[in-house]
Amino acid sequence: MTFVRGLSPEEALHRIGVTPGDISREVGIAAYVGDGGAVLIDYHGEPLPEALSRGTEMARVITGVTMDEYFVYSVDGVVVTEFEPCFPGDRNGSDPDRLLLHMRELGMPLDGEADSRTSTAPGTCRA
């Protein structure tokens, strides 16, 4: 799932080279109007070009039963913060600490902090 601020679903699809209604690709992507922008849902976790965030910002979460989890936050075509949700202390990007306050509010273990989540539901990270 990808959230792009300030773009219509049509513009977001155009930026990644997708024509609405085109079923010739193996990858399925749906685009919806979201609060303040567009929400894209792609069904195969395909890489999206950073051009999607040019002039705006985007946040992307990839998760699934058979694939690694991944989060990326980009601004104006530059990856600002990226990490695997199970390993949020290991961040990369031009400003890997930009989202620390929000990550702490979510209870993510950071830089040696204990994991405050107690759930063992599928999709949660437990050692």
N, C-alpha and C. Protein backbone atom coordinates (compact mmCIF):
# COMPACT_ATOMS: atom_id res chain seq x y z
N MET A 1 0.85 -1.16 0.00
CA MET A 1 0.00 0.00 0.00
C MET A 1 0.90 1.23 0.00
N THR A 2 0.57 2.19 -0.86
CA THR A 2 1.35 3.41 -0.98
C THR A 2 0.41 4.60 -0.86
N PHE A 3 0.81 5.58 -0.06
CA PHE A 3 0.06 6.82 0.10
C PHE A 3 0.89 7.94 -0.52
N VAL A 4 0.27 8.73 -1.41
CA VAL A 4 0.97 9.83 -2.07
C VAL A 4 0.18 11.11 -1.81
N ARG A 5 0.83 12.08 -1.20
CA ARG A 5 0.16 13.33 -0.84
C ARG A 5 -0.05 14.21 -2.08
N GLY A 6 -1.29 14.73 -2.18
CA GLY A 6 -1.58 15.76 -3.16
C GLY A 6 -1.73 15.31 -4.61
N LEU A 7 -1.68 14.03 -4.88
CA LEU A 7 -1.87 13.54 -6.25
C LEU A 7 -3.23 12.86 -6.38
N SER A 8 -3.80 12.97 -7.56
CA SER A 8 -5.01 12.21 -7.85
C SER A 8 -4.59 10.78 -8.16
N PRO A 9 -5.50 9.83 -8.06
CA PRO A 9 -5.16 8.45 -8.45
C PRO A 9 -4.66 8.38 -9.89
N GLU A 10 -5.27 9.16 -10.78
CA GLU A 10 -4.86 9.13 -12.18
C GLU A 10 -3.43 9.63 -12.36
N GLU A 11 -3.07 10.71 -11.69
CA GLU A 11 -1.70 11.24 -11.79
C GLU A 11 -0.70 10.26 -11.19
N ALA A 12 -1.04 9.63 -10.08
CA ALA A 12 -0.14 8.65 -9.46
C ALA A 12 0.11 7.49 -10.42
N LEU A 13 -0.94 6.99 -11.05
CA LEU A 13 -0.79 5.90 -12.01
C LEU A 13 0.04 6.34 -13.21
N HIS A 14 -0.20 7.55 -13.68
CA HIS A 14 0.57 8.07 -14.81
C HIS A 14 2.07 8.12 -14.47
N ARG A 15 2.41 8.56 -13.26
CA ARG A 15 3.82 8.66 -12.86
C ARG A 15 4.53 7.31 -12.83
N ILE A 16 3.79 6.24 -12.61
CA ILE A 16 4.44 4.93 -12.59
C ILE A 16 4.21 4.16 -13.89
N GLY A 17 3.64 4.83 -14.89
CA GLY A 17 3.50 4.22 -16.20
C GLY A 17 2.37 3.24 -16.35
N VAL A 18 1.32 3.42 -15.57
CA VAL A 18 0.17 2.52 -15.63
C VAL A 18 -1.01 3.26 -16.25
N THR A 19 -1.66 2.61 -17.20
CA THR A 19 -2.86 3.16 -17.82
C THR A 19 -4.07 2.47 -17.20
N PRO A 20 -5.01 3.26 -16.63
CA PRO A 20 -6.20 2.64 -16.04
C PRO A 20 -6.91 1.75 -17.06
N GLY A 21 -7.29 0.57 -16.63
CA GLY A 21 -7.99 -0.38 -17.48
C GLY A 21 -7.09 -1.29 -18.29
N ASP A 22 -5.78 -1.01 -18.30
CA ASP A 22 -4.83 -1.85 -19.06
C ASP A 22 -4.61 -3.15 -18.29
N ILE A 23 -4.98 -4.27 -18.89
CA ILE A 23 -4.82 -5.56 -18.22
C ILE A 23 -3.68 -6.38 -18.82
N SER A 24 -2.82 -5.72 -19.59
CA SER A 24 -1.73 -6.44 -20.25
C SER A 24 -0.55 -6.72 -19.32
N ARG A 25 -0.50 -6.09 -18.17
CA ARG A 25 0.60 -6.29 -17.24
C ARG A 25 0.28 -7.44 -16.28
N GLU A 26 1.32 -8.06 -15.76
CA GLU A 26 1.13 -9.13 -14.78
C GLU A 26 0.88 -8.58 -13.38
N VAL A 27 1.17 -7.32 -13.18
CA VAL A 27 1.04 -6.69 -11.88
C VAL A 27 -0.30 -5.96 -11.81
N GLY A 28 -1.03 -6.19 -10.73
CA GLY A 28 -2.29 -5.50 -10.53
C GLY A 28 -2.10 -4.33 -9.59
N ILE A 29 -2.53 -3.15 -10.00
CA ILE A 29 -2.44 -1.96 -9.16
C ILE A 29 -3.80 -1.27 -9.16
N ALA A 30 -4.29 -0.99 -7.97
CA ALA A 30 -5.54 -0.24 -7.83
C ALA A 30 -5.20 1.12 -7.24
N ALA A 31 -5.92 2.14 -7.64
CA ALA A 31 -5.68 3.50 -7.14
C ALA A 31 -7.00 4.10 -6.67
N TYR A 32 -6.96 4.74 -5.52
CA TYR A 32 -8.15 5.31 -4.92
C TYR A 32 -7.85 6.71 -4.41
N VAL A 33 -8.90 7.50 -4.27
CA VAL A 33 -8.78 8.80 -3.64
C VAL A 33 -8.63 8.57 -2.14
N GLY A 34 -7.61 9.18 -1.55
CA GLY A 34 -7.41 9.11 -0.11
C GLY A 34 -7.52 10.49 0.48
N ASP A 35 -7.55 10.60 1.79
CA ASP A 35 -7.61 11.88 2.47
C ASP A 35 -6.32 12.64 2.19
N GLY A 36 -6.37 13.62 1.30
CA GLY A 36 -5.20 14.43 1.00
C GLY A 36 -4.33 13.91 -0.13
N GLY A 37 -4.79 12.89 -0.85
CA GLY A 37 -3.97 12.37 -1.95
C GLY A 37 -4.51 11.08 -2.50
N ALA A 38 -3.59 10.22 -2.94
CA ALA A 38 -3.96 8.95 -3.56
C ALA A 38 -3.43 7.78 -2.74
N VAL A 39 -4.16 6.69 -2.80
CA VAL A 39 -3.76 5.43 -2.19
C VAL A 39 -3.62 4.42 -3.32
N LEU A 40 -2.44 3.80 -3.41
CA LEU A 40 -2.20 2.75 -4.40
C LEU A 40 -2.06 1.43 -3.68
N ILE A 41 -2.68 0.41 -4.22
CA ILE A 41 -2.54 -0.94 -3.69
C ILE A 41 -2.04 -1.80 -4.84
N ASP A 42 -0.83 -2.30 -4.69
CA ASP A 42 -0.29 -3.19 -5.72
C ASP A 42 -0.17 -4.57 -5.14
N TYR A 43 -0.52 -5.55 -5.92
CA TYR A 43 -0.70 -6.90 -5.45
C TYR A 43 0.53 -7.79 -5.54
N HIS A 44 1.62 -7.25 -6.03
CA HIS A 44 2.83 -8.06 -6.13
C HIS A 44 4.05 -7.39 -5.51
N GLY A 45 3.90 -6.27 -4.82
CA GLY A 45 5.01 -5.60 -4.18
C GLY A 45 6.08 -5.13 -5.15
N GLU A 46 5.68 -4.75 -6.36
CA GLU A 46 6.64 -4.31 -7.36
C GLU A 46 7.30 -3.00 -6.93
N PRO A 47 8.56 -2.82 -7.27
CA PRO A 47 9.21 -1.55 -6.95
C PRO A 47 8.52 -0.40 -7.67
N LEU A 48 8.32 0.70 -6.97
CA LEU A 48 7.75 1.89 -7.59
C LEU A 48 8.85 2.92 -7.74
N PRO A 49 8.85 3.65 -8.83
CA PRO A 49 9.90 4.66 -9.03
C PRO A 49 9.76 5.78 -8.01
N GLU A 50 10.90 6.32 -7.59
CA GLU A 50 10.87 7.44 -6.65
C GLU A 50 10.23 8.66 -7.29
N ALA A 51 10.08 8.65 -8.62
CA ALA A 51 9.41 9.76 -9.30
C ALA A 51 7.99 9.96 -8.78
N LEU A 52 7.43 8.94 -8.17
CA LEU A 52 6.09 9.04 -7.61
C LEU A 52 6.04 10.14 -6.55
N SER A 53 7.14 10.39 -5.85
CA SER A 53 7.14 11.40 -4.79
C SER A 53 7.71 12.75 -5.24
N ARG A 54 8.04 12.91 -6.52
CA ARG A 54 8.59 14.20 -6.99
C ARG A 54 7.58 15.32 -6.75
N GLY A 55 8.02 16.37 -6.05
CA GLY A 55 7.15 17.50 -5.76
C GLY A 55 6.16 17.24 -4.65
N THR A 56 6.26 16.09 -4.01
CA THR A 56 5.33 15.74 -2.92
C THR A 56 6.01 14.73 -2.01
N GLU A 57 5.25 13.93 -1.31
CA GLU A 57 5.81 12.89 -0.45
C GLU A 57 4.96 11.65 -0.52
N MET A 58 5.59 10.51 -0.22
CA MET A 58 4.86 9.25 -0.23
C MET A 58 5.38 8.36 0.90
N ALA A 59 4.50 7.51 1.35
CA ALA A 59 4.86 6.49 2.33
C ALA A 59 4.35 5.16 1.78
N ARG A 60 5.19 4.13 1.89
CA ARG A 60 4.83 2.82 1.34
C ARG A 60 5.11 1.73 2.35
N VAL A 61 4.16 0.83 2.49
CA VAL A 61 4.30 -0.33 3.36
C VAL A 61 4.07 -1.57 2.50
N ILE A 62 5.00 -2.49 2.55
CA ILE A 62 4.85 -3.77 1.86
C ILE A 62 4.83 -4.85 2.92
N THR A 63 3.83 -5.71 2.86
CA THR A 63 3.74 -6.81 3.80
C THR A 63 2.99 -7.96 3.13
N GLY A 64 3.26 -9.13 3.55
CA GLY A 64 2.59 -10.28 2.99
C GLY A 64 3.02 -11.55 3.69
N VAL A 65 2.33 -12.61 3.41
CA VAL A 65 2.60 -13.89 4.05
C VAL A 65 3.93 -14.47 3.58
N THR A 66 4.27 -14.29 2.30
CA THR A 66 5.46 -14.93 1.76
C THR A 66 6.59 -13.96 1.44
N MET A 67 6.51 -12.72 1.92
CA MET A 67 7.56 -11.76 1.61
C MET A 67 7.96 -10.97 2.84
N ASP A 68 9.13 -10.39 2.79
CA ASP A 68 9.59 -9.53 3.88
C ASP A 68 8.74 -8.28 3.95
N GLU A 69 8.67 -7.72 5.15
CA GLU A 69 7.97 -6.46 5.33
C GLU A 69 8.95 -5.32 5.08
N TYR A 70 8.41 -4.19 4.62
CA TYR A 70 9.27 -3.09 4.23
C TYR A 70 8.49 -1.79 4.33
N PHE A 71 9.15 -0.71 4.77
CA PHE A 71 8.54 0.61 4.84
C PHE A 71 9.50 1.61 4.21
N VAL A 72 8.98 2.53 3.40
CA VAL A 72 9.81 3.59 2.82
C VAL A 72 9.01 4.90 2.82
N TYR A 73 9.68 5.97 3.20
CA TYR A 73 9.11 7.32 3.17
C TYR A 73 10.01 8.16 2.28
N SER A 74 9.44 8.74 1.21
CA SER A 74 10.20 9.53 0.25
C SER A 74 9.60 10.92 0.11
N VAL A 75 10.48 11.89 -0.09
CA VAL A 75 10.07 13.27 -0.32
C VAL A 75 10.80 13.78 -1.55
N ASP A 76 10.06 14.31 -2.48
CA ASP A 76 10.61 14.91 -3.70
C ASP A 76 11.63 14.01 -4.39
N GLY A 77 11.30 12.74 -4.51
CA GLY A 77 12.14 11.80 -5.23
C GLY A 77 13.31 11.23 -4.46
N VAL A 78 13.42 11.56 -3.17
CA VAL A 78 14.54 11.09 -2.35
C VAL A 78 14.01 10.23 -1.21
N VAL A 79 14.61 9.06 -1.01
CA VAL A 79 14.24 8.20 0.11
C VAL A 79 14.77 8.86 1.39
N VAL A 80 13.84 9.23 2.27
CA VAL A 80 14.19 9.90 3.52
C VAL A 80 14.44 8.88 4.62
N THR A 81 13.51 7.95 4.77
CA THR A 81 13.62 6.92 5.81
C THR A 81 13.09 5.61 5.24
N GLU A 82 13.85 4.53 5.44
CA GLU A 82 13.39 3.20 5.05
C GLU A 82 13.89 2.19 6.06
N PHE A 83 13.07 1.16 6.29
CA PHE A 83 13.43 0.12 7.24
C PHE A 83 12.49 -1.06 7.10
N GLU A 84 12.89 -2.17 7.67
CA GLU A 84 12.01 -3.33 7.80
C GLU A 84 11.28 -3.17 9.12
N PRO A 85 9.94 -3.24 9.15
CA PRO A 85 9.21 -3.05 10.39
C PRO A 85 9.64 -3.98 11.53
N CYS A 86 10.13 -5.17 11.22
CA CYS A 86 10.61 -6.07 12.28
C CYS A 86 11.97 -5.61 12.84
N PHE A 87 12.64 -4.73 12.12
CA PHE A 87 13.96 -4.24 12.54
C PHE A 87 14.00 -2.72 12.41
N PRO A 88 13.12 -1.99 13.11
CA PRO A 88 13.04 -0.54 12.93
C PRO A 88 14.27 0.22 13.44
N GLY A 89 15.10 -0.43 14.22
CA GLY A 89 16.32 0.22 14.67
C GLY A 89 17.37 0.31 13.59
N ASP A 90 17.19 -0.43 12.51
CA ASP A 90 18.14 -0.45 11.40
C ASP A 90 17.52 0.32 10.23
N ARG A 91 17.66 1.65 10.29
CA ARG A 91 17.05 2.53 9.29
C ARG A 91 18.09 3.07 8.33
N ASN A 92 17.64 3.40 7.12
CA ASN A 92 18.49 4.00 6.10
C ASN A 92 17.76 5.19 5.50
N GLY A 93 18.45 5.93 4.64
CA GLY A 93 17.85 7.05 3.93
C GLY A 93 18.60 8.33 4.20
N SER A 94 18.16 9.41 3.57
CA SER A 94 18.83 10.71 3.72
C SER A 94 18.65 11.30 5.12
N ASP A 95 17.58 10.93 5.82
CA ASP A 95 17.32 11.38 7.19
C ASP A 95 16.63 10.23 7.93
N PRO A 96 17.37 9.17 8.25
CA PRO A 96 16.75 7.95 8.79
C PRO A 96 16.01 8.15 10.11
N ASP A 97 16.30 9.22 10.84
CA ASP A 97 15.65 9.45 12.14
C ASP A 97 14.45 10.39 12.06
N ARG A 98 14.08 10.82 10.87
CA ARG A 98 13.00 11.82 10.76
C ARG A 98 11.69 11.34 11.37
N LEU A 99 11.40 10.06 11.34
CA LEU A 99 10.11 9.54 11.82
C LEU A 99 10.18 8.94 13.23
N LEU A 100 11.27 9.18 13.95
CA LEU A 100 11.45 8.55 15.27
C LEU A 100 10.30 8.82 16.23
N LEU A 101 9.83 10.04 16.32
CA LEU A 101 8.74 10.36 17.23
C LEU A 101 7.51 9.51 16.93
N HIS A 102 7.16 9.41 15.65
CA HIS A 102 5.99 8.62 15.26
C HIS A 102 6.23 7.13 15.52
N MET A 103 7.43 6.67 15.27
CA MET A 103 7.75 5.26 15.49
C MET A 103 7.65 4.92 16.98
N ARG A 104 8.10 5.82 17.84
CA ARG A 104 7.98 5.59 19.29
C ARG A 104 6.51 5.56 19.71
N GLU A 105 5.71 6.48 19.13
CA GLU A 105 4.28 6.50 19.45
C GLU A 105 3.60 5.19 19.07
N LEU A 106 4.11 4.52 18.04
CA LEU A 106 3.58 3.23 17.62
C LEU A 106 4.12 2.07 18.45
N GLY A 107 5.08 2.35 19.34
CA GLY A 107 5.64 1.31 20.19
C GLY A 107 6.70 0.46 19.51
N MET A 108 7.32 0.98 18.46
CA MET A 108 8.35 0.22 17.76
C MET A 108 9.65 0.23 18.57
N PRO A 109 10.33 -0.90 18.67
CA PRO A 109 11.61 -0.94 19.39
C PRO A 109 12.70 -0.26 18.55
N LEU A 110 13.37 0.70 19.15
CA LEU A 110 14.36 1.49 18.42
C LEU A 110 15.70 1.48 19.13
N ASP A 111 16.74 1.25 18.38
CA ASP A 111 18.10 1.38 18.88
C ASP A 111 18.31 0.71 20.24
N GLY A 112 17.94 -0.57 20.32
CA GLY A 112 18.16 -1.33 21.54
C GLY A 112 17.03 -1.27 22.55
N GLU A 113 15.99 -0.50 22.26
CA GLU A 113 14.85 -0.43 23.17
C GLU A 113 14.10 -1.75 23.13
N ALA A 114 13.43 -2.11 24.20
CA ALA A 114 12.64 -3.35 24.24
C ALA A 114 11.40 -3.20 23.38
N ASP A 115 10.95 -4.30 22.80
CA ASP A 115 9.74 -4.32 21.99
C ASP A 115 8.55 -4.21 22.92
N SER A 116 7.76 -3.12 22.78
CA SER A 116 6.63 -2.90 23.69
C SER A 116 5.36 -3.59 23.21
N ARG A 117 5.39 -4.21 22.04
CA ARG A 117 4.22 -4.91 21.53
C ARG A 117 4.14 -6.29 22.17
N THR A 118 2.93 -6.68 22.54
CA THR A 118 2.76 -7.97 23.19
C THR A 118 2.02 -8.96 22.31
N SER A 119 1.53 -8.53 21.18
CA SER A 119 0.75 -9.39 20.30
C SER A 119 1.64 -10.43 19.63
N THR A 120 1.10 -11.61 19.44
CA THR A 120 1.81 -12.63 18.66
C THR A 120 1.00 -12.97 17.41
N ALA A 121 0.11 -12.06 17.02
CA ALA A 121 -0.71 -12.26 15.83
C ALA A 121 0.17 -12.28 14.59
N PRO A 122 -0.29 -12.95 13.53
CA PRO A 122 0.48 -12.94 12.28
C PRO A 122 0.79 -11.53 11.84
N GLY A 123 1.98 -11.30 11.35
CA GLY A 123 2.38 -9.99 10.88
C GLY A 123 3.09 -9.17 11.94
N THR A 124 3.08 -9.63 13.21
CA THR A 124 3.82 -8.91 14.22
C THR A 124 5.19 -9.54 14.35
N CYS A 125 6.12 -8.78 14.82
CA CYS A 125 7.50 -9.24 14.90
C CYS A 125 7.81 -9.67 16.33
N ARG A 126 8.20 -10.89 16.50
CA ARG A 126 8.56 -11.42 17.81
C ARG A 126 9.85 -12.17 17.68
N ALA A 127 10.70 -12.02 18.66
CA ALA A 127 11.98 -12.73 18.64
C ALA A 127 11.81 -14.14 19.15
